Amino acid sequence: MAYFTKETTTCAFVPDWSEKQYLAAADYAIQQSNRYGITGIKDADASEAVVKAYHALNTQKGLNANVATAIRISGQAHKHLFDPAEIIRISQTYATPRLKTNYLKIYVDGVPTSGHTAAMLNPYADADAHDPHALGMLVVPEDELKRVVLEFDKAGYGLKMHTAGDRAIRLALDAIEAARQANGKPGTMHELAHAEFISAQDLPRFGSLNAAADFSPYIWYPSPLIDAIRKSVGDRADQMFPARTLLDQHATIIAGSDWPSGVKDNNPWPAIEALLTRADPHGQRAGQTLNPEQAIKLEEALRIFTQAGAKAIGREEQTGTLEVGKSADIIVLDRDLFTVPTADISDTEVLLTIFQGRPVHTATPAKR
């Protein structure tokens, strides 16, 4: 049923995992996904070891979900910075009918907190007159970003670009626009991950450029994280995560989980509730909301996790909706989402997950 993106991270200061550990992690990720009713995932920051692990799992026991990997092409830990030959080698080596490897991950900026690493159009509210990073930072120069997007868009790759600040978002959209003009429209859908702050003049560009806003409803609600962001950006926090506006302008929104780096699991049901209420689905901030005018409807939230998610992993022709001729990817829930109180959606349990007509998760009596 649900589709989402997950993130993996590595650190140069600790030993890398063994192939056996990567394989176990890939297996665990899919089992956990099936538990929550998820039958398609995109690993949003995949090294070759991660791609290889999903490929090995598919060879050894099969994948109980459609998997896509966004191969990392930027970052200090990746020695092949924008090396097309290396990226294409990884992609072609591990691609299978169940594993799509024609997606790439690039970091355009950082995060909008006190470190001022997200690239903004206007200075941070807590920046002083001598702050060299008052407008944040770019990980990739603008001309290099355009070159990479143009080249890989032409080759048929979908790019997932980490863009937190409104300046990074604008530059990413500019790069996509340049690619559309050079390579033709509509092209492969590209994704702007996080996309917390979007300038009003850039909002209509998502739909016209076939670019998706990869939001993170798993974490974008009142919390200590949002407090830290508000401290740095000031009143601009009131424009975060404009889901209602984007949908009204016919943009595609997809859901990223930030699991396991930012949340404890990839359970989508609290995130779906947060899309409807803009409040903490775990009840830690009673009475507080984050830009409630940007709340969306239940049927819209479900489409984000089904139809839009299927499109994000290149499977919209096979799954994402229940239609004759499509894959039998079905879940059974313990409640009717359209009749229970909205506050109960986060407690939803999946009783049965069926992938391609096969049960891949059945809730045990203890979990019911």
Protein backbone atom coordinates (compact mmCIF):
# COMPACT_ATOMS: atom_id res chain seq x y z
CA MET A 1 0.00 0.00 0.00
CA ALA A 2 2.30 2.72 1.18
CA TYR A 3 5.47 3.90 -0.47
CA PHE A 4 8.15 5.98 1.17
CA THR A 5 11.80 6.89 1.02
CA LYS A 6 14.36 5.92 3.61
CA GLU A 7 17.82 7.26 4.24
CA THR A 8 21.02 5.45 5.12
CA THR A 9 24.12 7.15 6.39
CA THR A 10 27.76 6.22 6.81
CA CYS A 11 30.52 7.78 8.87
CA ALA A 12 34.20 7.83 7.98
CA PHE A 13 35.14 7.40 11.64
CA VAL A 14 33.65 3.93 12.12
CA PRO A 15 34.35 0.71 10.21
CA ASP A 16 32.00 -0.07 7.36
CA TRP A 17 29.61 -2.98 7.66
CA SER A 18 30.36 -6.38 6.21
CA GLU A 19 28.39 -7.68 3.24
CA LYS A 20 26.55 -9.98 5.63
CA GLN A 21 25.49 -7.03 7.76
CA TYR A 22 24.34 -5.04 4.75
CA LEU A 23 22.31 -8.04 3.60
CA ALA A 24 20.70 -8.42 7.03
CA ALA A 25 19.88 -4.71 7.08
CA ALA A 26 18.23 -4.85 3.67
CA ASP A 27 16.16 -7.84 4.76
CA TYR A 28 15.16 -6.08 7.98
CA ALA A 29 14.17 -2.90 6.13
CA ILE A 30 11.76 -4.80 3.91
CA GLN A 31 10.34 -6.87 6.77
CA GLN A 32 9.68 -3.71 8.78
CA SER A 33 8.12 -2.07 5.76
CA ASN A 34 5.77 -5.00 5.17
CA ARG A 35 4.80 -4.88 8.85
CA TYR A 36 3.46 -1.35 8.36
CA GLY A 37 1.75 -2.04 5.05
CA ILE A 38 4.55 -0.80 2.80
CA THR A 39 5.17 -2.68 -0.44
CA GLY A 40 7.55 -0.27 -2.17
CA ILE A 41 10.56 1.66 -0.92
CA LYS A 42 13.23 3.97 -2.27
CA ASP A 43 16.52 4.00 -0.41
CA ALA A 44 17.24 7.71 -0.57
CA ASP A 45 21.01 7.67 -0.04
CA ALA A 46 22.46 4.43 -1.31
CA SER A 47 26.13 3.56 -1.58
CA GLU A 48 27.18 0.71 -3.84
CA ALA A 49 27.22 -1.58 -0.79
CA VAL A 50 23.55 -0.79 -0.15
CA VAL A 51 22.54 -1.39 -3.77
CA LYS A 52 24.53 -4.62 -3.79
CA ALA A 53 22.76 -5.81 -0.63
CA TYR A 54 19.29 -5.41 -2.13
CA HIS A 55 20.50 -7.19 -5.26
CA ALA A 56 21.90 -10.06 -3.18
CA LEU A 57 18.69 -10.31 -1.17
CA ASN A 58 16.70 -10.51 -4.37
CA THR A 59 18.98 -13.27 -5.67
CA GLN A 60 18.96 -15.30 -2.46
CA LYS A 61 15.35 -15.12 -1.31
CA GLY A 62 13.52 -12.56 -3.41
CA LEU A 63 12.31 -9.08 -2.52
CA ASN A 64 8.94 -8.76 -0.80
CA ALA A 65 8.63 -5.20 -2.04
CA ASN A 66 9.45 -3.12 -5.06
CA VAL A 67 12.78 -1.45 -4.29
CA ALA A 68 14.43 1.57 -5.86
CA THR A 69 17.80 2.98 -4.88
CA ALA A 70 18.94 6.58 -5.17
CA ILE A 71 22.68 6.14 -5.65
CA ARG A 72 24.70 8.77 -3.83
CA ILE A 73 26.68 10.97 -6.21
CA SER A 74 27.83 13.68 -3.81
CA GLY A 75 29.33 13.83 -0.33
CA GLN A 76 32.74 13.65 1.28
CA ALA A 77 32.56 9.90 1.72
CA HIS A 78 32.02 9.32 -2.02
CA LYS A 79 35.27 9.47 -3.93
CA HIS A 80 33.53 9.33 -7.31
CA LEU A 81 32.02 12.82 -7.21
CA PHE A 82 29.84 13.11 -10.30
CA ASP A 83 31.69 10.36 -12.15
CA PRO A 84 29.11 9.32 -14.75
CA ALA A 85 30.95 6.14 -15.73
CA GLU A 86 31.06 4.93 -12.13
CA ILE A 87 27.42 5.76 -11.48
CA ILE A 88 26.30 4.00 -14.66
CA ARG A 89 28.43 0.96 -13.76
CA ILE A 90 26.74 0.61 -10.37
CA SER A 91 23.30 1.17 -11.85
CA GLN A 92 23.70 -1.36 -14.65
CA THR A 93 25.42 -4.00 -12.51
CA TYR A 94 22.62 -4.39 -9.99
CA ALA A 95 19.40 -3.52 -11.83
CA THR A 96 16.73 -6.24 -11.90
CA PRO A 97 12.99 -6.24 -12.64
CA ARG A 98 12.31 -5.94 -8.89
CA LEU A 99 15.18 -3.52 -8.16
CA LYS A 100 15.29 -0.16 -9.96
CA THR A 101 18.66 1.57 -9.83
CA ASN A 102 18.05 4.53 -12.16
CA TYR A 103 17.79 7.09 -9.35
CA LEU A 104 20.49 9.29 -7.90
CA LYS A 105 20.91 11.34 -4.70
CA ILE A 106 22.63 14.69 -4.55
CA TYR A 107 22.97 17.06 -1.61
CA VAL A 108 22.39 20.66 -2.65
CA ASP A 109 22.44 22.15 0.86
CA GLY A 110 22.18 21.24 4.55
CA VAL A 111 19.64 21.92 7.31
CA PRO A 112 17.99 25.19 8.49
CA THR A 113 19.20 25.18 12.10
CA SER A 114 21.88 27.07 14.02
CA GLY A 115 24.67 25.75 11.77
CA HIS A 116 23.11 27.72 8.89
CA THR A 117 23.85 25.03 6.31
CA ALA A 118 20.54 25.24 4.41
CA ALA A 119 20.82 27.75 1.55
CA MET A 120 18.31 30.58 2.04
CA LEU A 121 17.23 33.54 -0.09
CA ASN A 122 17.21 35.84 2.95
CA PRO A 123 19.53 35.88 5.99
CA TYR A 124 18.90 33.65 8.98
CA ALA A 125 17.06 35.42 11.77
CA ASP A 126 19.76 34.55 14.32
CA ALA A 127 22.69 35.51 12.06
CA ASP A 128 24.80 38.48 13.11
CA ALA A 129 26.32 41.10 10.83
CA HIS A 130 29.61 39.24 10.59
CA ASP A 131 28.22 35.76 9.89
CA PRO A 132 29.78 34.54 6.61
CA HIS A 133 26.98 31.99 6.32
CA ALA A 134 24.05 34.31 6.94
CA LEU A 135 22.47 32.97 3.74
CA GLY A 136 23.52 29.39 4.39
CA MET A 137 25.64 27.18 2.18
CA LEU A 138 25.54 25.21 -1.05
CA VAL A 139 27.12 21.77 -1.15
CA VAL A 140 27.30 21.92 -4.94
CA PRO A 141 27.98 25.07 -7.01
CA GLU A 142 25.07 26.21 -9.17
CA ASP A 143 26.77 25.56 -12.50
CA GLU A 144 27.85 22.08 -11.41
CA LEU A 145 24.32 21.27 -10.27
CA LYS A 146 22.92 22.27 -13.66
CA ARG A 147 25.51 20.19 -15.47
CA VAL A 148 24.78 17.08 -13.44
CA VAL A 149 20.99 17.37 -13.67
CA LEU A 150 21.19 18.00 -17.42
CA GLU A 151 23.49 15.04 -18.02
CA PHE A 152 21.68 12.46 -15.91
CA ASP A 153 18.20 13.64 -16.91
CA LYS A 154 19.20 13.05 -20.52
CA ALA A 155 20.34 9.54 -19.58
CA GLY A 156 16.95 8.79 -18.00
CA TYR A 157 17.86 8.99 -14.33
CA GLY A 158 15.62 10.50 -11.68
CA LEU A 159 17.42 12.78 -9.24
CA LYS A 160 16.52 13.12 -5.59
CA MET A 161 18.02 16.42 -4.47
CA HIS A 162 18.35 17.35 -0.81
CA THR A 163 17.01 20.91 -0.74
CA ALA A 164 15.97 22.35 2.61
CA GLY A 165 16.33 26.10 2.03
CA ASP A 166 14.39 28.21 -0.47
CA ARG A 167 17.57 29.21 -2.32
CA ALA A 168 18.58 25.56 -2.78
CA ILE A 169 15.06 24.76 -3.96
CA ARG A 170 15.14 27.55 -6.52
CA LEU A 171 18.51 26.46 -7.88
CA ALA A 172 17.33 22.85 -8.11
CA LEU A 173 14.19 23.93 -9.98
CA ASP A 174 16.34 26.08 -12.27
CA ALA A 175 18.48 23.03 -13.02
CA ILE A 176 15.42 20.92 -13.75
CA GLU A 177 14.00 23.65 -15.97
CA ALA A 178 17.25 23.79 -17.93
CA ALA A 179 17.11 20.01 -18.37
CA ARG A 180 13.50 20.13 -19.54
CA GLN A 181 14.37 22.77 -22.13
CA ALA A 182 17.36 20.81 -23.39
CA ASN A 183 16.07 17.25 -23.13
CA GLY A 184 12.34 17.64 -23.62
CA LYS A 185 9.29 17.54 -21.37
CA PRO A 186 7.98 16.06 -19.17
CA GLY A 187 10.97 13.76 -18.67
CA THR A 188 11.69 11.61 -15.63
CA MET A 189 10.22 12.99 -12.41
CA HIS A 190 12.84 14.53 -10.15
CA GLU A 191 12.39 15.02 -6.41
CA LEU A 192 13.30 17.81 -4.02
CA ALA A 193 13.78 16.18 -0.65
CA HIS A 194 12.62 17.95 2.52
CA ALA A 195 11.68 21.19 0.71
CA GLU A 196 10.80 22.93 3.96
CA PHE A 197 10.90 26.47 2.61
CA ILE A 198 9.59 27.23 -0.85
CA SER A 199 9.42 30.77 -2.20
CA ALA A 200 5.92 31.75 -3.31
CA GLN A 201 7.12 32.33 -6.87
CA ASP A 202 8.58 28.82 -7.02
CA LEU A 203 5.47 26.97 -5.83
CA PRO A 204 3.86 26.71 -9.31
CA ARG A 205 7.07 25.40 -10.84
CA PHE A 206 6.80 21.96 -9.22
CA GLY A 207 3.78 20.96 -11.29
CA SER A 208 4.94 22.54 -14.54
CA LEU A 209 8.41 20.94 -14.31
CA ASN A 210 7.27 17.46 -13.21
CA ALA A 211 9.17 17.86 -9.95
CA ALA A 212 7.94 16.27 -6.72
CA ALA A 213 8.16 17.76 -3.26
CA ASP A 214 9.52 14.91 -1.13
CA PHE A 215 8.13 16.03 2.23
CA SER A 216 8.83 14.42 5.59
CA PRO A 217 5.51 14.22 7.45
CA TYR A 218 7.19 11.78 9.84
CA ILE A 219 8.97 14.73 11.48
CA TRP A 220 7.34 17.99 10.30
CA TYR A 221 5.06 18.81 13.23
CA PRO A 222 5.60 20.71 16.52
CA SER A 223 8.69 19.24 18.18
CA PRO A 224 12.12 20.24 19.51
CA LEU A 225 13.41 20.03 15.92
CA ILE A 226 10.84 22.56 14.72
CA ASP A 227 11.69 24.76 17.72
CA ALA A 228 15.35 24.74 16.64
CA ILE A 229 14.42 25.63 13.08
CA ARG A 230 12.11 28.44 14.20
CA LYS A 231 14.87 29.88 16.39
CA SER A 232 17.12 30.14 13.33
CA VAL A 233 14.67 31.23 10.62
CA GLY A 234 12.17 33.23 12.67
CA ASP A 235 8.68 33.79 11.31
CA ARG A 236 9.55 31.97 8.08
CA ALA A 237 8.79 28.81 10.02
CA ASP A 238 5.14 29.71 9.47
CA GLN A 239 5.59 28.89 5.79
CA MET A 240 7.11 25.44 6.28
CA PHE A 241 5.87 22.41 4.41
CA PRO A 242 3.13 23.98 2.20
CA ALA A 243 1.26 20.78 1.36
CA ARG A 244 -2.18 22.33 0.76
CA THR A 245 -0.82 25.01 -1.55
CA LEU A 246 1.25 22.56 -3.60
CA LEU A 247 -1.65 20.16 -4.10
CA ASP A 248 -3.91 23.03 -5.11
CA GLN A 249 -1.32 23.93 -7.75
CA HIS A 250 -1.30 20.35 -9.09
CA ALA A 251 2.13 19.43 -7.75
CA THR A 252 3.13 15.91 -6.81
CA ILE A 253 3.95 15.33 -3.14
CA ILE A 254 5.66 12.16 -1.97
CA ALA A 255 6.50 11.07 1.56
CA GLY A 256 9.98 10.59 2.98
CA SER A 257 10.45 8.97 6.36
CA ASP A 258 14.00 9.96 7.38
CA TRP A 259 14.20 6.44 8.80
CA PRO A 260 16.46 5.28 10.37
CA SER A 261 18.43 8.51 10.72
CA GLY A 262 15.61 10.69 12.04
CA VAL A 263 12.83 8.46 13.37
CA LYS A 264 12.68 5.12 15.15
CA ASP A 265 10.63 3.31 12.49
CA ASN A 266 8.95 3.81 9.15
CA ASN A 267 5.38 3.45 10.41
CA PRO A 268 3.39 5.67 8.01
CA TRP A 269 0.21 6.00 10.05
CA PRO A 270 1.41 8.75 12.44
CA ALA A 271 2.76 10.61 9.40
CA ILE A 272 -0.61 10.36 7.64
CA GLU A 273 -2.32 11.74 10.72
CA ALA A 274 0.17 14.61 10.86
CA LEU A 275 -0.66 15.53 7.26
CA LEU A 276 -4.29 15.95 8.32
CA THR A 277 -3.79 17.75 11.62
CA ARG A 278 -0.36 19.42 11.38
CA ALA A 279 -0.05 18.36 15.03
CA ASP A 280 2.18 15.89 16.86
CA PRO A 281 0.52 12.49 16.30
CA HIS A 282 2.22 11.17 19.42
CA GLY A 283 0.52 13.69 21.69
CA GLN A 284 3.65 15.35 23.04
CA ARG A 285 2.61 18.90 22.05
CA ALA A 286 -1.08 19.09 22.87
CA GLY A 287 -2.78 22.11 21.36
CA GLN A 288 0.12 23.03 19.08
CA THR A 289 0.07 22.87 15.28
CA LEU A 290 2.46 23.71 12.46
CA ASN A 291 0.83 25.93 9.84
CA PRO A 292 -2.64 24.33 10.15
CA GLU A 293 -3.88 26.11 7.02
CA GLN A 294 -1.66 23.70 5.07
CA ALA A 295 -3.53 20.60 6.31
CA ILE A 296 -4.81 18.23 3.63
CA LYS A 297 -7.62 15.67 3.42
CA LEU A 298 -7.37 11.96 4.21
CA GLU A 299 -7.91 10.83 0.63
CA GLU A 300 -5.14 13.19 -0.48
CA ALA A 301 -2.75 11.86 2.15
CA LEU A 302 -3.48 8.29 1.08
CA ARG A 303 -2.76 9.17 -2.55
CA ILE A 304 0.62 10.55 -1.46
CA PHE A 305 1.47 7.18 0.05
CA THR A 306 0.08 5.11 -2.84
CA GLN A 307 -0.27 6.64 -6.31
CA ALA A 308 2.40 9.30 -5.87
CA GLY A 309 4.76 6.88 -4.18
CA ALA A 310 4.37 4.37 -6.98
CA LYS A 311 5.27 7.08 -9.48
CA ALA A 312 8.34 7.99 -7.41
CA ILE A 313 9.74 4.48 -7.82
CA GLY A 314 8.74 4.16 -11.46
CA ARG A 315 5.93 1.69 -10.81
CA GLU A 316 2.78 3.72 -11.52
CA GLU A 317 1.85 1.37 -14.39
CA GLN A 318 2.06 -1.70 -12.14
CA THR A 319 0.85 -0.59 -8.71
CA GLY A 320 -0.32 2.33 -6.56
CA THR A 321 -4.02 1.80 -7.33
CA LEU A 322 -6.34 -1.20 -7.37
CA GLU A 323 -7.11 -1.83 -11.03
CA VAL A 324 -7.55 -4.82 -13.28
CA GLY A 325 -4.16 -5.81 -14.64
CA LYS A 326 -2.14 -4.21 -11.87
CA SER A 327 -0.22 -5.98 -9.13
CA ALA A 328 -2.25 -7.31 -6.20
CA ASP A 329 -0.60 -5.14 -3.55
CA ILE A 330 -3.20 -4.91 -0.81
CA ILE A 331 -3.33 -4.33 2.93
CA VAL A 332 -5.99 -5.08 5.56
CA LEU A 333 -6.28 -2.67 8.49
CA ASP A 334 -7.77 -2.97 11.93
CA ARG A 335 -10.00 0.09 11.41
CA ASP A 336 -11.85 2.16 8.82
CA LEU A 337 -9.73 5.28 8.41
CA PHE A 338 -12.70 7.26 7.11
CA THR A 339 -14.91 6.66 10.16
CA VAL A 340 -12.56 6.67 13.15
CA PRO A 341 -11.55 9.95 14.85
CA THR A 342 -8.57 11.52 13.10
CA ALA A 343 -6.55 11.24 16.31
CA ASP A 344 -6.86 7.44 16.10
CA ILE A 345 -5.29 7.11 12.64
CA SER A 346 -1.78 7.09 14.13
CA ASP A 347 -2.66 3.93 16.07
CA THR A 348 -3.63 1.97 12.97
CA GLU A 349 -2.32 -1.58 12.78
CA VAL A 350 -1.85 -3.61 9.63
CA LEU A 351 -3.39 -7.07 9.93
CA LEU A 352 -2.29 -8.35 6.53
CA THR A 353 0.07 -7.16 3.80
CA ILE A 354 -0.18 -8.78 0.37
CA PHE A 355 2.49 -8.15 -2.25
CA GLN A 356 1.91 -9.40 -5.78
CA GLY A 357 -0.85 -11.64 -4.48
CA ARG A 358 1.30 -13.22 -1.75
CA PRO A 359 0.96 -12.56 2.00
CA VAL A 360 4.23 -11.04 3.19
CA HIS A 361 3.07 -9.98 6.64
CA THR A 362 0.37 -11.32 8.94
CA ALA A 363 -0.13 -9.73 12.35
CA THR A 364 0.31 -12.10 15.25
CA PRO A 365 -2.42 -12.22 17.95
CA ALA A 366 -0.11 -10.35 20.32
CA LYS A 367 0.08 -7.39 17.93
CA ARG A 368 -3.65 -7.12 17.44
